[in-house]
Amino acid sequence: HMENFPRAVAVLNAVADGIGWTKPAKPGVFRG
């Protein structure tokens, strides 16, 4: 839903990559 907002996508991608969104978190740790 953000295709028209590339700069918004850029900050979203930055924090997703920084937190390791696509990688499993440690047991008992959850992300948002």
Full PDB file with SEQRES, HELIX, SHEET, SSBOND, CRYST1, ORIGX, SCALE, CONECT and MASTER records, all heavy atoms in Angstrom:
SEQRES   1 A   32  HIS MET GLU ASN PHE PRO ARG ALA VAL ALA VAL LEU ASN          
SEQRES   2 A   32  ALA VAL ALA ASP GLY ILE GLY TRP THR LYS PRO ALA LYS          
SEQRES   3 A   32  PRO GLY VAL PHE ARG GLY                                      
HELIX    1 AA1 PRO A    6  ILE A   19  1                                  14    
CRYST1    1.000    1.000    1.000  90.00  90.00  90.00 P 1           1          
ORIGX1      1.000000  0.000000  0.000000        0.00000                         
ORIGX2      0.000000  1.000000  0.000000        0.00000                         
ORIGX3      0.000000  0.000000  1.000000        0.00000                         
SCALE1      1.000000  0.000000  0.000000        0.00000                         
SCALE2      0.000000  1.000000  0.000000        0.00000                         
SCALE3      0.000000  0.000000  1.000000        0.00000                         
ATOM      1  N   HIS A   1       0.811  -1.221   0.000  1.00  0.00           N  
ATOM      2  CA  HIS A   1       0.000   0.000   0.000  1.00  0.00           C  
ATOM      3  C   HIS A   1       0.845   1.273   0.000  1.00  0.00           C  
ATOM      4  O   HIS A   1       0.312   2.374   0.185  1.00  0.00           O  
ATOM      5  CB  HIS A   1      -0.942  -0.005   1.206  1.00  0.00           C  
ATOM      6  CG  HIS A   1      -1.976  -1.088   1.155  1.00  0.00           C  
ATOM      7  ND1 HIS A   1      -3.156  -0.956   0.459  1.00  0.00           N  
ATOM      8  CD2 HIS A   1      -1.983  -2.341   1.690  1.00  0.00           C  
ATOM      9  CE1 HIS A   1      -3.868  -2.067   0.580  1.00  0.00           C  
ATOM     10  NE2 HIS A   1      -3.184  -2.926   1.317  1.00  0.00           N  
ATOM     11  N   MET A   2       2.166   1.144  -0.227  1.00  0.00           N  
ATOM     12  CA  MET A   2       3.068   2.292  -0.174  1.00  0.00           C  
ATOM     13  C   MET A   2       3.796   2.533  -1.492  1.00  0.00           C  
ATOM     14  O   MET A   2       4.801   3.245  -1.530  1.00  0.00           O  
ATOM     15  CB  MET A   2       4.114   2.085   0.946  1.00  0.00           C  
ATOM     16  CG  MET A   2       3.529   2.054   2.339  1.00  0.00           C  
ATOM     17  SD  MET A   2       4.736   1.507   3.584  1.00  0.00           S  
ATOM     18  CE  MET A   2       5.878   2.881   3.573  1.00  0.00           C  
ATOM     19  N   GLU A   3       3.285   1.991  -2.579  1.00  0.00           N  
ATOM     20  CA  GLU A   3       3.994   2.074  -3.856  1.00  0.00           C  
ATOM     21  C   GLU A   3       4.215   3.508  -4.314  1.00  0.00           C  
ATOM     22  O   GLU A   3       5.174   3.792  -5.034  1.00  0.00           O  
ATOM     23  CB  GLU A   3       3.237   1.291  -4.932  1.00  0.00           C  
ATOM     24  CG  GLU A   3       3.208  -0.213  -4.679  1.00  0.00           C  
ATOM     25  CD  GLU A   3       2.417  -0.947  -5.756  1.00  0.00           C  
ATOM     26  OE1 GLU A   3       1.781  -0.258  -6.597  1.00  0.00           O  
ATOM     27  OE2 GLU A   3       2.427  -2.192  -5.744  1.00  0.00           O  
ATOM     28  N   ASN A   4       3.354   4.415  -3.910  1.00  0.00           N  
ATOM     29  CA  ASN A   4       3.468   5.816  -4.332  1.00  0.00           C  
ATOM     30  C   ASN A   4       4.342   6.659  -3.405  1.00  0.00           C  
ATOM     31  O   ASN A   4       4.455   7.876  -3.603  1.00  0.00           O  
ATOM     32  CB  ASN A   4       2.076   6.447  -4.423  1.00  0.00           C  
ATOM     33  CG  ASN A   4       1.206   5.776  -5.464  1.00  0.00           C  
ATOM     34  OD1 ASN A   4       1.697   5.321  -6.498  1.00  0.00           O  
ATOM     35  ND2 ASN A   4      -0.089   5.696  -5.191  1.00  0.00           N  
ATOM     36  N   PHE A   5       4.967   6.013  -2.417  1.00  0.00           N  
ATOM     37  CA  PHE A   5       5.716   6.765  -1.415  1.00  0.00           C  
ATOM     38  C   PHE A   5       7.098   6.130  -1.203  1.00  0.00           C  
ATOM     39  O   PHE A   5       7.351   5.492  -0.168  1.00  0.00           O  
ATOM     40  CB  PHE A   5       4.936   6.818  -0.103  1.00  0.00           C  
ATOM     41  CG  PHE A   5       3.526   7.317  -0.269  1.00  0.00           C  
ATOM     42  CD1 PHE A   5       2.465   6.428  -0.368  1.00  0.00           C  
ATOM     43  CD2 PHE A   5       3.272   8.682  -0.357  1.00  0.00           C  
ATOM     44  CE1 PHE A   5       1.168   6.889  -0.535  1.00  0.00           C  
ATOM     45  CE2 PHE A   5       1.983   9.144  -0.521  1.00  0.00           C  
ATOM     46  CZ  PHE A   5       0.923   8.253  -0.617  1.00  0.00           C  
ATOM     47  N   PRO A   6       7.993   6.289  -2.172  1.00  0.00           N  
ATOM     48  CA  PRO A   6       9.301   5.607  -2.097  1.00  0.00           C  
ATOM     49  C   PRO A   6      10.139   6.003  -0.889  1.00  0.00           C  
ATOM     50  O   PRO A   6      10.874   5.161  -0.350  1.00  0.00           O  
ATOM     51  CB  PRO A   6       9.982   6.012  -3.411  1.00  0.00           C  
ATOM     52  CG  PRO A   6       9.263   7.253  -3.862  1.00  0.00           C  
ATOM     53  CD  PRO A   6       7.856   7.086  -3.405  1.00  0.00           C  
ATOM     54  N   ARG A   7      10.062   7.251  -0.443  1.00  0.00           N  
ATOM     55  CA  ARG A   7      10.862   7.641   0.722  1.00  0.00           C  
ATOM     56  C   ARG A   7      10.319   6.995   1.996  1.00  0.00           C  
ATOM     57  O   ARG A   7      11.091   6.650   2.907  1.00  0.00           O  
ATOM     58  CB  ARG A   7      10.905   9.156   0.859  1.00  0.00           C  
ATOM     59  CG  ARG A   7      11.753   9.833  -0.218  1.00  0.00           C  
ATOM     60  CD  ARG A   7      11.694  11.353  -0.146  1.00  0.00           C  
ATOM     61  NE  ARG A   7      12.268  11.887   1.078  1.00  0.00           N  
ATOM     62  CZ  ARG A   7      12.255  13.185   1.395  1.00  0.00           C  
ATOM     63  NH1 ARG A   7      11.679  14.069   0.579  1.00  0.00           N  
ATOM     64  NH2 ARG A   7      12.805  13.597   2.524  1.00  0.00           N  
ATOM     65  N   ALA A   8       9.012   6.806   2.055  1.00  0.00           N  
ATOM     66  CA  ALA A   8       8.428   6.095   3.190  1.00  0.00           C  
ATOM     67  C   ALA A   8       8.847   4.630   3.164  1.00  0.00           C  
ATOM     68  O   ALA A   8       9.156   4.041   4.211  1.00  0.00           O  
ATOM     69  CB  ALA A   8       6.912   6.229   3.169  1.00  0.00           C  
ATOM     70  N   VAL A   9       8.868   4.040   1.994  1.00  0.00           N  
ATOM     71  CA  VAL A   9       9.318   2.652   1.861  1.00  0.00           C  
ATOM     72  C   VAL A   9      10.776   2.525   2.295  1.00  0.00           C  
ATOM     73  O   VAL A   9      11.170   1.549   2.944  1.00  0.00           O  
ATOM     74  CB  VAL A   9       9.143   2.156   0.415  1.00  0.00           C  
ATOM     75  CG1 VAL A   9       9.776   0.776   0.239  1.00  0.00           C  
ATOM     76  CG2 VAL A   9       7.665   2.105   0.042  1.00  0.00           C  
ATOM     77  N   ALA A  10      11.577   3.534   1.965  1.00  0.00           N  
ATOM     78  CA  ALA A  10      13.004   3.481   2.297  1.00  0.00           C  
ATOM     79  C   ALA A  10      13.237   3.423   3.804  1.00  0.00           C  
ATOM     80  O   ALA A  10      14.073   2.654   4.287  1.00  0.00           O  
ATOM     81  CB  ALA A  10      13.728   4.679   1.693  1.00  0.00           C  
ATOM     82  N   VAL A  11      12.506   4.234   4.584  1.00  0.00           N  
ATOM     83  CA  VAL A  11      12.704   4.191   6.043  1.00  0.00           C  
ATOM     84  C   VAL A  11      12.133   2.903   6.620  1.00  0.00           C  
ATOM     85  O   VAL A  11      12.688   2.339   7.577  1.00  0.00           O  
ATOM     86  CB  VAL A  11      12.110   5.436   6.748  1.00  0.00           C  
ATOM     87  CG1 VAL A  11      12.872   6.694   6.364  1.00  0.00           C  
ATOM     88  CG2 VAL A  11      10.622   5.595   6.483  1.00  0.00           C  
ATOM     89  N   LEU A  12      11.027   2.424   6.055  1.00  0.00           N  
ATOM     90  CA  LEU A  12      10.462   1.149   6.501  1.00  0.00           C  
ATOM     91  C   LEU A  12      11.451   0.019   6.254  1.00  0.00           C  
ATOM     92  O   LEU A  12      11.713  -0.807   7.143  1.00  0.00           O  
ATOM     93  CB  LEU A  12       9.149   0.873   5.774  1.00  0.00           C  
ATOM     94  CG  LEU A  12       8.487  -0.479   6.083  1.00  0.00           C  
ATOM     95  CD1 LEU A  12       8.011  -0.525   7.535  1.00  0.00           C  
ATOM     96  CD2 LEU A  12       7.334  -0.749   5.122  1.00  0.00           C  
ATOM     97  N   ASN A  13      12.018  -0.032   5.058  1.00  0.00           N  
ATOM     98  CA  ASN A  13      12.999  -1.071   4.737  1.00  0.00           C  
ATOM     99  C   ASN A  13      14.225  -0.971   5.637  1.00  0.00           C  
ATOM    100  O   ASN A  13      14.799  -1.989   6.049  1.00  0.00           O  
ATOM    101  CB  ASN A  13      13.430  -0.956   3.274  1.00  0.00           C  
ATOM    102  CG  ASN A  13      12.339  -1.383   2.306  1.00  0.00           C  
ATOM    103  OD1 ASN A  13      11.374  -2.040   2.701  1.00  0.00           O  
ATOM    104  ND2 ASN A  13      12.483  -1.010   1.048  1.00  0.00           N  
ATOM    105  N   ALA A  14      14.619   0.257   5.942  1.00  0.00           N  
ATOM    106  CA  ALA A  14      15.818   0.449   6.763  1.00  0.00           C  
ATOM    107  C   ALA A  14      15.651  -0.153   8.153  1.00  0.00           C  
ATOM    108  O   ALA A  14      16.554  -0.826   8.669  1.00  0.00           O  
ATOM    109  CB  ALA A  14      16.153   1.932   6.862  1.00  0.00           C  
ATOM    110  N   VAL A  15      14.490   0.079   8.782  1.00  0.00           N  
ATOM    111  CA  VAL A  15      14.307  -0.467  10.132  1.00  0.00           C  
ATOM    112  C   VAL A  15      14.032  -1.964  10.081  1.00  0.00           C  
ATOM    113  O   VAL A  15      14.430  -2.702  10.999  1.00  0.00           O  
ATOM    114  CB  VAL A  15      13.193   0.276  10.905  1.00  0.00           C  
ATOM    115  CG1 VAL A  15      13.543   1.744  11.061  1.00  0.00           C  
ATOM    116  CG2 VAL A  15      11.830   0.112  10.269  1.00  0.00           C  
ATOM    117  N   ALA A  16      13.345  -2.426   9.033  1.00  0.00           N  
ATOM    118  CA  ALA A  16      13.107  -3.866   8.900  1.00  0.00           C  
ATOM    119  C   ALA A  16      14.429  -4.607   8.750  1.00  0.00           C  
ATOM    120  O   ALA A  16      14.669  -5.644   9.398  1.00  0.00           O  
ATOM    121  CB  ALA A  16      12.197  -4.141   7.709  1.00  0.00           C  
ATOM    122  N   ASP A  17      15.313  -4.074   7.918  1.00  0.00           N  
ATOM    123  CA  ASP A  17      16.635  -4.688   7.755  1.00  0.00           C  
ATOM    124  C   ASP A  17      17.448  -4.571   9.041  1.00  0.00           C  
ATOM    125  O   ASP A  17      18.136  -5.512   9.451  1.00  0.00           O  
ATOM    126  CB  ASP A  17      17.391  -4.021   6.609  1.00  0.00           C  
ATOM    127  CG  ASP A  17      16.761  -4.295   5.248  1.00  0.00           C  
ATOM    128  OD1 ASP A  17      15.954  -5.247   5.155  1.00  0.00           O  
ATOM    129  OD2 ASP A  17      17.072  -3.562   4.287  1.00  0.00           O  
ATOM    130  N   GLY A  18      17.365  -3.401   9.681  1.00  0.00           N  
ATOM    131  CA  GLY A  18      18.149  -3.179  10.896  1.00  0.00           C  
ATOM    132  C   GLY A  18      17.753  -4.080  12.044  1.00  0.00           C  
ATOM    133  O   GLY A  18      18.597  -4.485  12.854  1.00  0.00           O  
ATOM    134  N   ILE A  19      16.465  -4.400  12.146  1.00  0.00           N  
ATOM    135  CA  ILE A  19      15.987  -5.257  13.229  1.00  0.00           C  
ATOM    136  C   ILE A  19      16.095  -6.731  12.871  1.00  0.00           C  
ATOM    137  O   ILE A  19      15.949  -7.609  13.726  1.00  0.00           O  
ATOM    138  CB  ILE A  19      14.535  -4.892  13.609  1.00  0.00           C  
ATOM    139  CG1 ILE A  19      14.249  -5.244  15.084  1.00  0.00           C  
ATOM    140  CG2 ILE A  19      13.532  -5.584  12.682  1.00  0.00           C  
ATOM    141  CD1 ILE A  19      14.886  -4.327  16.074  1.00  0.00           C  
ATOM    142  N   GLY A  20      16.362  -7.010  11.577  1.00  0.00           N  
ATOM    143  CA  GLY A  20      16.440  -8.403  11.124  1.00  0.00           C  
ATOM    144  C   GLY A  20      15.084  -9.038  10.956  1.00  0.00           C  
ATOM    145  O   GLY A  20      14.860 -10.195  11.346  1.00  0.00           O  
ATOM    146  N   TRP A  21      14.166  -8.292  10.358  1.00  0.00           N  
ATOM    147  CA  TRP A  21      12.760  -8.703  10.283  1.00  0.00           C  
ATOM    148  C   TRP A  21      12.562 -10.087   9.664  1.00  0.00           C  
ATOM    149  O   TRP A  21      11.715 -10.861  10.102  1.00  0.00           O  
ATOM    150  CB  TRP A  21      11.971  -7.667   9.497  1.00  0.00           C  
ATOM    151  CG  TRP A  21      10.486  -7.897   9.503  1.00  0.00           C  
ATOM    152  CD1 TRP A  21       9.740  -8.506   8.544  1.00  0.00           C  
ATOM    153  CD2 TRP A  21       9.570  -7.530  10.537  1.00  0.00           C  
ATOM    154  NE1 TRP A  21       8.418  -8.543   8.911  1.00  0.00           N  
ATOM    155  CE2 TRP A  21       8.291  -7.940  10.134  1.00  0.00           C  
ATOM    156  CE3 TRP A  21       9.715  -6.886  11.767  1.00  0.00           C  
ATOM    157  CZ2 TRP A  21       7.158  -7.735  10.913  1.00  0.00           C  
ATOM    158  CZ3 TRP A  21       8.584  -6.674  12.543  1.00  0.00           C  
ATOM    159  CH2 TRP A  21       7.326  -7.100  12.118  1.00  0.00           C  
ATOM    160  N   THR A  22      13.331 -10.403   8.643  1.00  0.00           N  
ATOM    161  CA  THR A  22      13.134 -11.674   7.930  1.00  0.00           C  
ATOM    162  C   THR A  22      13.873 -12.839   8.589  1.00  0.00           C  
ATOM    163  O   THR A  22      13.767 -13.978   8.123  1.00  0.00           O  
ATOM    164  CB  THR A  22      13.597 -11.546   6.470  1.00  0.00           C  
ATOM    165  OG1 THR A  22      14.981 -11.171   6.449  1.00  0.00           O  
ATOM    166  CG2 THR A  22      12.779 -10.497   5.742  1.00  0.00           C  
ATOM    167  N   LYS A  23      14.607 -12.549   9.661  1.00  0.00           N  
ATOM    168  CA  LYS A  23      15.343 -13.602  10.355  1.00  0.00           C  
ATOM    169  C   LYS A  23      14.658 -13.912  11.684  1.00  0.00           C  
ATOM    170  O   LYS A  23      14.090 -13.021  12.319  1.00  0.00           O  
ATOM    171  CB  LYS A  23      16.777 -13.161  10.606  1.00  0.00           C  
ATOM    172  CG  LYS A  23      17.553 -12.824   9.328  1.00  0.00           C  
ATOM    173  CD  LYS A  23      18.925 -12.268   9.659  1.00  0.00           C  
ATOM    174  CE  LYS A  23      19.665 -11.859   8.394  1.00  0.00           C  
ATOM    175  NZ  LYS A  23      21.000 -11.256   8.702  1.00  0.00           N  
ATOM    176  N   PRO A  24      14.725 -15.145  12.127  1.00  0.00           N  
ATOM    177  CA  PRO A  24      14.078 -15.497  13.398  1.00  0.00           C  
ATOM    178  C   PRO A  24      14.690 -14.718  14.563  1.00  0.00           C  
ATOM    179  O   PRO A  24      15.906 -14.551  14.653  1.00  0.00           O  
ATOM    180  CB  PRO A  24      14.366 -16.996  13.537  1.00  0.00           C  
ATOM    181  CG  PRO A  24      14.662 -17.468  12.156  1.00  0.00           C  
ATOM    182  CD  PRO A  24      15.332 -16.316  11.463  1.00  0.00           C  
ATOM    183  N   ALA A  25      13.830 -14.247  15.450  1.00  0.00           N  
ATOM    184  CA  ALA A  25      14.312 -13.579  16.656  1.00  0.00           C  
ATOM    185  C   ALA A  25      14.732 -14.619  17.687  1.00  0.00           C  
ATOM    186  O   ALA A  25      14.425 -15.816  17.545  1.00  0.00           O  
ATOM    187  CB  ALA A  25      13.223 -12.686  17.229  1.00  0.00           C  
ATOM    188  N   LYS A  26      15.431 -14.162  18.701  1.00  0.00           N  
ATOM    189  CA  LYS A  26      15.808 -15.065  19.780  1.00  0.00           C  
ATOM    190  C   LYS A  26      14.556 -15.584  20.482  1.00  0.00           C  
ATOM    191  O   LYS A  26      13.518 -14.914  20.497  1.00  0.00           O  
ATOM    192  CB  LYS A  26      16.703 -14.334  20.779  1.00  0.00           C  
ATOM    193  CG  LYS A  26      18.059 -13.924  20.235  1.00  0.00           C  
ATOM    194  CD  LYS A  26      18.865 -13.186  21.297  1.00  0.00           C  
ATOM    195  CE  LYS A  26      20.221 -12.760  20.764  1.00  0.00           C  
ATOM    196  NZ  LYS A  26      21.031 -12.028  21.788  1.00  0.00           N  
ATOM    197  N   PRO A  27      14.620 -16.791  21.063  1.00  0.00           N  
ATOM    198  CA  PRO A  27      13.446 -17.319  21.778  1.00  0.00           C  
ATOM    199  C   PRO A  27      12.929 -16.332  22.816  1.00  0.00           C  
ATOM    200  O   PRO A  27      13.700 -15.768  23.599  1.00  0.00           O  
ATOM    201  CB  PRO A  27      13.999 -18.597  22.436  1.00  0.00           C  
ATOM    202  CG  PRO A  27      15.144 -19.010  21.573  1.00  0.00           C  
ATOM    203  CD  PRO A  27      15.763 -17.722  21.090  1.00  0.00           C  
ATOM    204  N   GLY A  28      11.617 -16.099  22.792  1.00  0.00           N  
ATOM    205  CA  GLY A  28      11.003 -15.191  23.750  1.00  0.00           C  
ATOM    206  C   GLY A  28      11.058 -13.735  23.376  1.00  0.00           C  
ATOM    207  O   GLY A  28      10.552 -12.884  24.106  1.00  0.00           O  
ATOM    208  N   VAL A  29      11.676 -13.428  22.235  1.00  0.00           N  
ATOM    209  CA  VAL A  29      11.779 -12.047  21.770  1.00  0.00           C  
ATOM    210  C   VAL A  29      10.849 -11.851  20.581  1.00  0.00           C  
ATOM    211  O   VAL A  29      10.795 -12.686  19.673  1.00  0.00           O  
ATOM    212  CB  VAL A  29      13.233 -11.702  21.380  1.00  0.00           C  
ATOM    213  CG1 VAL A  29      13.312 -10.309  20.767  1.00  0.00           C  
ATOM    214  CG2 VAL A  29      14.142 -11.787  22.602  1.00  0.00           C  
ATOM    215  N   PHE A  30      10.125 -10.728  20.584  1.00  0.00           N  
ATOM    216  CA  PHE A  30       9.133 -10.461  19.544  1.00  0.00           C  
ATOM    217  C   PHE A  30       9.350  -9.068  18.965  1.00  0.00           C  
ATOM    218  O   PHE A  30       9.873  -8.178  19.637  1.00  0.00           O  
ATOM    219  CB  PHE A  30       7.725 -10.603  20.118  1.00  0.00           C  
ATOM    220  CG  PHE A  30       7.454 -11.967  20.669  1.00  0.00           C  
ATOM    221  CD1 PHE A  30       7.781 -12.281  21.983  1.00  0.00           C  
ATOM    222  CD2 PHE A  30       6.898 -12.954  19.868  1.00  0.00           C  
ATOM    223  CE1 PHE A  30       7.558 -13.546  22.502  1.00  0.00           C  
ATOM    224  CE2 PHE A  30       6.658 -14.231  20.370  1.00  0.00           C  
ATOM    225  CZ  PHE A  30       6.995 -14.528  21.685  1.00  0.00           C  
ATOM    226  N   ARG A  31       8.930  -8.892  17.716  1.00  0.00           N  
ATOM    227  CA  ARG A  31       9.210  -7.654  17.002  1.00  0.00           C  
ATOM    228  C   ARG A  31       7.937  -6.942  16.565  1.00  0.00           C  
ATOM    229  O   ARG A  31       6.900  -7.564  16.332  1.00  0.00           O  
ATOM    230  CB  ARG A  31      10.063  -7.952  15.755  1.00  0.00           C  
ATOM    231  CG  ARG A  31      11.453  -8.475  16.086  1.00  0.00           C  
ATOM    232  CD  ARG A  31      12.155  -8.987  14.855  1.00  0.00           C  
ATOM    233  NE  ARG A  31      13.513  -9.420  15.153  1.00  0.00           N  
ATOM    234  CZ  ARG A  31      14.159 -10.372  14.496  1.00  0.00           C  
ATOM    235  NH1 ARG A  31      13.561 -10.984  13.478  1.00  0.00           N  
ATOM    236  NH2 ARG A  31      15.386 -10.698  14.828  1.00  0.00           N  
ATOM    237  N   GLY A  32       8.069  -5.643  16.439  1.00  0.00           N  
ATOM    238  CA  GLY A  32       6.993  -4.819  15.903  1.00  0.00           C  
ATOM    239  C   GLY A  32       7.587  -3.617  15.223  1.00  0.00           C  
ATOM    240  O   GLY A  32       8.733  -3.233  15.508  1.00  0.00           O  
TER     241      GLY A  32                                                      
MASTER        0    0    0    1    0    0    0    6  240    1    0    3          
END                                                                             
